[in-house]
Amino acid sequence: MPYSGSWPSSRNSIIKALSLSFPMESQALLGKEEMKVIGQTKNLLEELLETMDILADDEMMSQLRESEKDAKAGRVYDLGTI
């Protein structure tokens, strides 16, 4: 089933959820490993949001496709030669 919602409003909801912090009493109930996993999950979700932003940007995707064509055609340079 394709997604039928609005990406900007969904993105804003996710960002709002990611910005929530845990009260001290909640942190006391969670161990260091659980807090570490929560931090890692937050980082992964932020990376996913960034990826989705890029995929939703038609101009950026066009530039990436063009870059792939350049690389396949050998139109690339070593950083040291620029």
PDB file of N, CA and C in Angstrom:
ATOM      1  N   MET A   1       0.850  -1.189   0.000  1.00  0.00           N
ATOM      2  CA  MET A   1       0.000   0.000   0.000  1.00  0.00           C
ATOM      3  C   MET A   1       0.885   1.238   0.000  1.00  0.00           C
ATOM      4  N   PRO A   2       0.768   2.090  -1.001  1.00  0.00           N
ATOM      5  CA  PRO A   2       1.602   3.294  -1.056  1.00  0.00           C
ATOM      6  C   PRO A   2       1.257   4.275   0.045  1.00  0.00           C
ATOM      7  N   TYR A   3       2.274   5.035   0.429  1.00  0.00           N
ATOM      8  CA  TYR A   3       2.092   6.063   1.450  1.00  0.00           C
ATOM      9  C   TYR A   3       1.254   7.189   0.873  1.00  0.00           C
ATOM     10  N   SER A   4       0.207   7.576   1.598  1.00  0.00           N
ATOM     11  CA  SER A   4      -0.682   8.617   1.080  1.00  0.00           C
ATOM     12  C   SER A   4      -0.662   9.882   1.928  1.00  0.00           C
ATOM     13  N   GLY A   5       0.175   9.917   2.934  1.00  0.00           N
ATOM     14  CA  GLY A   5       0.232  11.095   3.792  1.00  0.00           C
ATOM     15  C   GLY A   5       1.117  12.178   3.212  1.00  0.00           C
ATOM     16  N   SER A   6       1.282  13.221   3.969  1.00  0.00           N
ATOM     17  CA  SER A   6       2.115  14.344   3.548  1.00  0.00           C
ATOM     18  C   SER A   6       3.497  14.178   4.162  1.00  0.00           C
ATOM     19  N   TRP A   7       4.541  14.108   3.313  1.00  0.00           N
ATOM     20  CA  TRP A   7       5.897  13.925   3.832  1.00  0.00           C
ATOM     21  C   TRP A   7       6.310  15.066   4.753  1.00  0.00           C
ATOM     22  N   PRO A   8       6.102  16.347   4.395  1.00  0.00           N
ATOM     23  CA  PRO A   8       6.537  17.408   5.314  1.00  0.00           C
ATOM     24  C   PRO A   8       5.887  17.317   6.694  1.00  0.00           C
ATOM     25  N   SER A   9       4.587  17.024   6.761  1.00  0.00           N
ATOM     26  CA  SER A   9       3.949  16.959   8.078  1.00  0.00           C
ATOM     27  C   SER A   9       4.403  15.721   8.842  1.00  0.00           C
ATOM     28  N   SER A  10       4.612  14.605   8.149  1.00  0.00           N
ATOM     29  CA  SER A  10       5.117  13.400   8.807  1.00  0.00           C
ATOM     30  C   SER A  10       6.532  13.636   9.316  1.00  0.00           C
ATOM     31  N   ARG A  11       7.347  14.289   8.495  1.00  0.00           N
ATOM     32  CA  ARG A  11       8.728  14.588   8.872  1.00  0.00           C
ATOM     33  C   ARG A  11       8.749  15.449  10.125  1.00  0.00           C
ATOM     34  N   ASN A  12       7.898  16.460  10.172  1.00  0.00           N
ATOM     35  CA  ASN A  12       7.852  17.342  11.336  1.00  0.00           C
ATOM     36  C   ASN A  12       7.453  16.579  12.593  1.00  0.00           C
ATOM     37  N   SER A  13       6.531  15.633  12.458  1.00  0.00           N
ATOM     38  CA  SER A  13       6.123  14.824  13.601  1.00  0.00           C
ATOM     39  C   SER A  13       7.269  13.966  14.106  1.00  0.00           C
ATOM     40  N   ILE A  14       8.034  13.404  13.180  1.00  0.00           N
ATOM     41  CA  ILE A  14       9.170  12.568  13.565  1.00  0.00           C
ATOM     42  C   ILE A  14      10.236  13.410  14.249  1.00  0.00           C
ATOM     43  N   ILE A  15      10.520  14.585  13.689  1.00  0.00           N
ATOM     44  CA  ILE A  15      11.528  15.467  14.291  1.00  0.00           C
ATOM     45  C   ILE A  15      11.099  15.881  15.697  1.00  0.00           C
ATOM     46  N   LYS A  16       9.823  16.176  15.857  1.00  0.00           N
ATOM     47  CA  LYS A  16       9.318  16.548  17.179  1.00  0.00           C
ATOM     48  C   LYS A  16       9.516  15.401  18.163  1.00  0.00           C
ATOM     49  N   ALA A  17       9.229  14.176  17.729  1.00  0.00           N
ATOM     50  CA  ALA A  17       9.407  13.014  18.602  1.00  0.00           C
ATOM     51  C   ALA A  17      10.882  12.803  18.933  1.00  0.00           C
ATOM     52  N   LEU A  18      11.762  13.024  17.971  1.00  0.00           N
ATOM     53  CA  LEU A  18      13.189  12.836  18.215  1.00  0.00           C
ATOM     54  C   LEU A  18      13.746  13.866  19.186  1.00  0.00           C
ATOM     55  N   SER A  19      13.112  15.027  19.246  1.00  0.00           N
ATOM     56  CA  SER A  19      13.627  16.085  20.111  1.00  0.00           C
ATOM     57  C   SER A  19      13.184  15.912  21.562  1.00  0.00           C
ATOM     58  N   LEU A  20      12.307  14.953  21.820  1.00  0.00           N
ATOM     59  CA  LEU A  20      11.866  14.720  23.194  1.00  0.00           C
ATOM     60  C   LEU A  20      13.027  14.178  24.016  1.00  0.00           C
ATOM     61  N   SER A  21      13.086  14.587  25.236  1.00  0.00           N
ATOM     62  CA  SER A  21      14.117  14.056  26.123  1.00  0.00           C
ATOM     63  C   SER A  21      13.431  13.256  27.228  1.00  0.00           C
ATOM     64  N   PHE A  22      14.184  12.362  27.810  1.00  0.00           N
ATOM     65  CA  PHE A  22      13.648  11.532  28.873  1.00  0.00           C
ATOM     66  C   PHE A  22      13.812  12.233  30.215  1.00  0.00           C
ATOM     67  N   PRO A  23      12.744  12.260  31.010  1.00  0.00           N
ATOM     68  CA  PRO A  23      12.884  12.827  32.357  1.00  0.00           C
ATOM     69  C   PRO A  23      13.887  11.998  33.167  1.00  0.00           C
ATOM     70  N   MET A  24      14.479  12.605  34.152  1.00  0.00           N
ATOM     71  CA  MET A  24      15.493  11.924  34.958  1.00  0.00           C
ATOM     72  C   MET A  24      14.957  10.636  35.572  1.00  0.00           C
ATOM     73  N   GLU A  25      13.697  10.633  35.989  1.00  0.00           N
ATOM     74  CA  GLU A  25      13.161   9.416  36.620  1.00  0.00           C
ATOM     75  C   GLU A  25      13.072   8.270  35.615  1.00  0.00           C
ATOM     76  N   SER A  26      12.820   8.570  34.350  1.00  0.00           N
ATOM     77  CA  SER A  26      12.808   7.529  33.324  1.00  0.00           C
ATOM     78  C   SER A  26      14.209   7.007  33.079  1.00  0.00           C
ATOM     79  N   GLN A  27      15.188   7.899  33.090  1.00  0.00           N
ATOM     80  CA  GLN A  27      16.565   7.490  32.869  1.00  0.00           C
ATOM     81  C   GLN A  27      17.042   6.568  33.983  1.00  0.00           C
ATOM     82  N   ALA A  28      16.526   6.788  35.186  1.00  0.00           N
ATOM     83  CA  ALA A  28      16.916   5.946  36.312  1.00  0.00           C
ATOM     84  C   ALA A  28      16.383   4.521  36.127  1.00  0.00           C
ATOM     85  N   LEU A  29      15.263   4.371  35.436  1.00  0.00           N
ATOM     86  CA  LEU A  29      14.677   3.050  35.211  1.00  0.00           C
ATOM     87  C   LEU A  29      15.364   2.297  34.078  1.00  0.00           C
ATOM     88  N   LEU A  30      16.038   3.024  33.220  1.00  0.00           N
ATOM     89  CA  LEU A  30      16.718   2.417  32.090  1.00  0.00           C
ATOM     90  C   LEU A  30      18.201   2.288  32.387  1.00  0.00           C
ATOM     91  N   GLY A  31      18.774   1.209  31.928  1.00  0.00           N
ATOM     92  CA  GLY A  31      20.203   1.019  32.109  1.00  0.00           C
ATOM     93  C   GLY A  31      20.997   1.753  31.052  1.00  0.00           C
ATOM     94  N   LYS A  32      22.320   1.700  31.191  1.00  0.00           N
ATOM     95  CA  LYS A  32      23.190   2.369  30.232  1.00  0.00           C
ATOM     96  C   LYS A  32      23.016   1.801  28.830  1.00  0.00           C
ATOM     97  N   GLU A  33      22.845   0.491  28.733  1.00  0.00           N
ATOM     98  CA  GLU A  33      22.681  -0.138  27.417  1.00  0.00           C
ATOM     99  C   GLU A  33      21.392   0.317  26.741  1.00  0.00           C
ATOM    100  N   GLU A  34      20.310   0.404  27.509  1.00  0.00           N
ATOM    101  CA  GLU A  34      19.046   0.854  26.942  1.00  0.00           C
ATOM    102  C   GLU A  34      19.144   2.293  26.456  1.00  0.00           C
ATOM    103  N   MET A  35      19.806   3.142  27.233  1.00  0.00           N
ATOM    104  CA  MET A  35      19.975   4.535  26.829  1.00  0.00           C
ATOM    105  C   MET A  35      20.857   4.617  25.583  1.00  0.00           C
ATOM    106  N   LYS A  36      21.852   3.735  25.490  1.00  0.00           N
ATOM    107  CA  LYS A  36      22.718   3.697  24.316  1.00  0.00           C
ATOM    108  C   LYS A  36      21.911   3.304  23.079  1.00  0.00           C
ATOM    109  N   VAL A  37      21.048   2.298  23.225  1.00  0.00           N
ATOM    110  CA  VAL A  37      20.220   1.850  22.105  1.00  0.00           C
ATOM    111  C   VAL A  37      19.259   2.957  21.679  1.00  0.00           C
ATOM    112  N   ILE A  38      18.704   3.675  22.623  1.00  0.00           N
ATOM    113  CA  ILE A  38      17.803   4.783  22.296  1.00  0.00           C
ATOM    114  C   ILE A  38      18.567   5.849  21.510  1.00  0.00           C
ATOM    115  N   GLY A  39      19.775   6.160  21.929  1.00  0.00           N
ATOM    116  CA  GLY A  39      20.592   7.139  21.208  1.00  0.00           C
ATOM    117  C   GLY A  39      20.925   6.676  19.802  1.00  0.00           C
ATOM    118  N   GLN A  40      21.268   5.389  19.663  1.00  0.00           N
ATOM    119  CA  GLN A  40      21.574   4.842  18.338  1.00  0.00           C
ATOM    120  C   GLN A  40      20.339   4.869  17.438  1.00  0.00           C
ATOM    121  N   THR A  41      19.185   4.555  18.012  1.00  0.00           N
ATOM    122  CA  THR A  41      17.940   4.577  17.241  1.00  0.00           C
ATOM    123  C   THR A  41      17.632   5.985  16.767  1.00  0.00           C
ATOM    124  N   LYS A  42      17.838   6.959  17.639  1.00  0.00           N
ATOM    125  CA  LYS A  42      17.617   8.361  17.261  1.00  0.00           C
ATOM    126  C   LYS A  42      18.529   8.742  16.100  1.00  0.00           C
ATOM    127  N   ASN A  43      19.801   8.344  16.171  1.00  0.00           N
ATOM    128  CA  ASN A  43      20.744   8.656  15.089  1.00  0.00           C
ATOM    129  C   ASN A  43      20.312   8.014  13.779  1.00  0.00           C
ATOM    130  N   LEU A  44      19.879   6.754  13.841  1.00  0.00           N
ATOM    131  CA  LEU A  44      19.433   6.069  12.627  1.00  0.00           C
ATOM    132  C   LEU A  44      18.198   6.739  12.025  1.00  0.00           C
ATOM    133  N   LEU A  45      17.274   7.169  12.875  1.00  0.00           N
ATOM    134  CA  LEU A  45      16.078   7.851  12.373  1.00  0.00           C
ATOM    135  C   LEU A  45      16.440   9.189  11.735  1.00  0.00           C
ATOM    136  N   GLU A  46      17.392   9.899  12.307  1.00  0.00           N
ATOM    137  CA  GLU A  46      17.827  11.163  11.711  1.00  0.00           C
ATOM    138  C   GLU A  46      18.463  10.915  10.342  1.00  0.00           C
ATOM    139  N   GLU A  47      19.250   9.845  10.225  1.00  0.00           N
ATOM    140  CA  GLU A  47      19.856   9.494   8.937  1.00  0.00           C
ATOM    141  C   GLU A  47      18.773   9.127   7.918  1.00  0.00           C
ATOM    142  N   LEU A  48      17.763   8.409   8.369  1.00  0.00           N
ATOM    143  CA  LEU A  48      16.653   8.042   7.485  1.00  0.00           C
ATOM    144  C   LEU A  48      15.916   9.284   6.998  1.00  0.00           C
ATOM    145  N   LEU A  49      15.685  10.236   7.887  1.00  0.00           N
ATOM    146  CA  LEU A  49      15.026  11.484   7.490  1.00  0.00           C
ATOM    147  C   LEU A  49      15.843  12.222   6.439  1.00  0.00           C
ATOM    148  N   GLU A  50      17.156  12.260   6.632  1.00  0.00           N
ATOM    149  CA  GLU A  50      18.017  12.939   5.667  1.00  0.00           C
ATOM    150  C   GLU A  50      17.951  12.240   4.310  1.00  0.00           C
ATOM    151  N   THR A  51      17.975  10.913   4.332  1.00  0.00           N
ATOM    152  CA  THR A  51      17.870  10.148   3.087  1.00  0.00           C
ATOM    153  C   THR A  51      16.544  10.419   2.394  1.00  0.00           C
ATOM    154  N   MET A  52      15.463  10.448   3.147  1.00  0.00           N
ATOM    155  CA  MET A  52      14.146  10.697   2.561  1.00  0.00           C
ATOM    156  C   MET A  52      14.053  12.108   2.003  1.00  0.00           C
ATOM    157  N   ASP A  53      14.697  13.067   2.664  1.00  0.00           N
ATOM    158  CA  ASP A  53      14.729  14.439   2.143  1.00  0.00           C
ATOM    159  C   ASP A  53      15.435  14.483   0.791  1.00  0.00           C
ATOM    160  N   ILE A  54      16.544  13.769   0.683  1.00  0.00           N
ATOM    161  CA  ILE A  54      17.282  13.732  -0.586  1.00  0.00           C
ATOM    162  C   ILE A  54      16.445  13.071  -1.666  1.00  0.00           C
ATOM    163  N   LEU A  55      15.814  11.947  -1.333  1.00  0.00           N
ATOM    164  CA  LEU A  55      14.990  11.237  -2.316  1.00  0.00           C
ATOM    165  C   LEU A  55      13.805  12.079  -2.786  1.00  0.00           C
ATOM    166  N   ALA A  56      13.322  12.967  -1.930  1.00  0.00           N
ATOM    167  CA  ALA A  56      12.186  13.815  -2.286  1.00  0.00           C
ATOM    168  C   ALA A  56      12.609  15.052  -3.079  1.00  0.00           C
ATOM    169  N   ASP A  57      13.909  15.314  -3.159  1.00  0.00           N
ATOM    170  CA  ASP A  57      14.434  16.493  -3.847  1.00  0.00           C
ATOM    171  C   ASP A  57      14.787  16.116  -5.285  1.00  0.00           C
ATOM    172  N   ASP A  58      13.920  16.481  -6.226  1.00  0.00           N
ATOM    173  CA  ASP A  58      14.118  16.102  -7.624  1.00  0.00           C
ATOM    174  C   ASP A  58      15.432  16.619  -8.196  1.00  0.00           C
ATOM    175  N   GLU A  59      15.805  17.838  -7.857  1.00  0.00           N
ATOM    176  CA  GLU A  59      17.048  18.409  -8.379  1.00  0.00           C
ATOM    177  C   GLU A  59      18.265  17.644  -7.858  1.00  0.00           C
ATOM    178  N   MET A  60      18.259  17.337  -6.578  1.00  0.00           N
ATOM    179  CA  MET A  60      19.366  16.591  -5.984  1.00  0.00           C
ATOM    180  C   MET A  60      19.477  15.206  -6.627  1.00  0.00           C
ATOM    181  N   MET A  61      18.348  14.543  -6.833  1.00  0.00           N
ATOM    182  CA  MET A  61      18.372  13.205  -7.438  1.00  0.00           C
ATOM    183  C   MET A  61      18.883  13.279  -8.879  1.00  0.00           C
ATOM    184  N   SER A  62      18.514  14.325  -9.595  1.00  0.00           N
ATOM    185  CA  SER A  62      19.000  14.507 -10.957  1.00  0.00           C
ATOM    186  C   SER A  62      20.520  14.676 -10.962  1.00  0.00           C
ATOM    187  N   GLN A  63      21.033  15.453 -10.023  1.00  0.00           N
ATOM    188  CA  GLN A  63      22.474  15.655  -9.917  1.00  0.00           C
ATOM    189  C   GLN A  63      23.191  14.355  -9.563  1.00  0.00           C
ATOM    190  N   LEU A  64      22.596  13.562  -8.690  1.00  0.00           N
ATOM    191  CA  LEU A  64      23.205  12.278  -8.326  1.00  0.00           C
ATOM    192  C   LEU A  64      23.243  11.328  -9.521  1.00  0.00           C
ATOM    193  N   ARG A  65      22.155  11.284 -10.291  1.00  0.00           N
ATOM    194  CA  ARG A  65      22.136  10.433 -11.487  1.00  0.00           C
ATOM    195  C   ARG A  65      23.188  10.885 -12.494  1.00  0.00           C
ATOM    196  N   GLU A  66      23.339  12.187 -12.663  1.00  0.00           N
ATOM    197  CA  GLU A  66      24.348  12.717 -13.574  1.00  0.00           C
ATOM    198  C   GLU A  66      25.752  12.363 -13.087  1.00  0.00           C
ATOM    199  N   SER A  67      25.973  12.433 -11.797  1.00  0.00           N
ATOM    200  CA  SER A  67      27.270  12.066 -11.229  1.00  0.00           C
ATOM    201  C   SER A  67      27.580  10.593 -11.463  1.00  0.00           C
ATOM    202  N   GLU A  68      26.573   9.744 -11.341  1.00  0.00           N
ATOM    203  CA  GLU A  68      26.771   8.319 -11.611  1.00  0.00           C
ATOM    204  C   GLU A  68      27.172   8.091 -13.070  1.00  0.00           C
ATOM    205  N   LYS A  69      26.528   8.811 -13.981  1.00  0.00           N
ATOM    206  CA  LYS A  69      26.877   8.697 -15.404  1.00  0.00           C
ATOM    207  C   LYS A  69      28.312   9.149 -15.635  1.00  0.00           C
ATOM    208  N   ASP A  70      28.714  10.256 -14.995  1.00  0.00           N
ATOM    209  CA  ASP A  70      30.085  10.759 -15.128  1.00  0.00           C
ATOM    210  C   ASP A  70      31.085   9.718 -14.630  1.00  0.00           C
ATOM    211  N   ALA A  71      30.797   9.110 -13.504  1.00  0.00           N
ATOM    212  CA  ALA A  71      31.717   8.119 -12.934  1.00  0.00           C
ATOM    213  C   ALA A  71      31.840   6.906 -13.858  1.00  0.00           C
ATOM    214  N   LYS A  72      30.719   6.432 -14.393  1.00  0.00           N
ATOM    215  CA  LYS A  72      30.745   5.278 -15.302  1.00  0.00           C
ATOM    216  C   LYS A  72      31.498   5.596 -16.589  1.00  0.00           C
ATOM    217  N   ALA A  73      31.432   6.851 -17.026  1.00  0.00           N
ATOM    218  CA  ALA A  73      32.090   7.259 -18.267  1.00  0.00           C
ATOM    219  C   ALA A  73      33.563   7.635 -18.029  1.00  0.00           C
ATOM    220  N   GLY A  74      34.008   7.580 -16.769  1.00  0.00           N
ATOM    221  CA  GLY A  74      35.397   7.901 -16.471  1.00  0.00           C
ATOM    222  C   GLY A  74      35.682   9.377 -16.338  1.00  0.00           C
ATOM    223  N   ARG A  75      34.637  10.189 -16.259  1.00  0.00           N
ATOM    224  CA  ARG A  75      34.828  11.635 -16.114  1.00  0.00           C
ATOM    225  C   ARG A  75      34.947  11.994 -14.625  1.00  0.00           C
ATOM    226  N   VAL A  76      36.004  11.466 -14.007  1.00  0.00           N
ATOM    227  CA  VAL A  76      36.247  11.724 -12.588  1.00  0.00           C
ATOM    228  C   VAL A  76      37.715  12.121 -12.409  1.00  0.00           C
ATOM    229  N   TYR A  77      38.015  12.779 -11.325  1.00  0.00           N
ATOM    230  CA  TYR A  77      39.360  13.240 -11.027  1.00  0.00           C
ATOM    231  C   TYR A  77      39.718  12.873  -9.597  1.00  0.00           C
ATOM    232  N   ASP A  78      40.990  12.589  -9.369  1.00  0.00           N
ATOM    233  CA  ASP A  78      41.478  12.397  -8.016  1.00  0.00           C
ATOM    234  C   ASP A  78      41.501  13.757  -7.319  1.00  0.00           C
ATOM    235  N   LEU A  79      41.194  13.766  -6.056  1.00  0.00           N
ATOM    236  CA  LEU A  79      41.171  15.028  -5.319  1.00  0.00           C
ATOM    237  C   LEU A  79      42.524  15.723  -5.370  1.00  0.00           C
ATOM    238  N   GLY A  80      43.598  14.966  -5.364  1.00  0.00           N
ATOM    239  CA  GLY A  80      44.941  15.539  -5.390  1.00  0.00           C
ATOM    240  C   GLY A  80      45.298  16.224  -6.690  1.00  0.00           C
ATOM    241  N   THR A  81      44.554  15.927  -7.766  1.00  0.00           N
ATOM    242  CA  THR A  81      44.880  16.532  -9.074  1.00  0.00           C
ATOM    243  C   THR A  81      44.075  17.798  -9.343  1.00  0.00           C
ATOM    244  N   ILE A  82      43.189  18.133  -8.484  1.00  0.00           N
ATOM    245  CA  ILE A  82      42.342  19.312  -8.710  1.00  0.00           C
ATOM    246  C   ILE A  82      43.024  20.546  -8.163  1.00  0.00           C
TER     247      ILE A  82
END
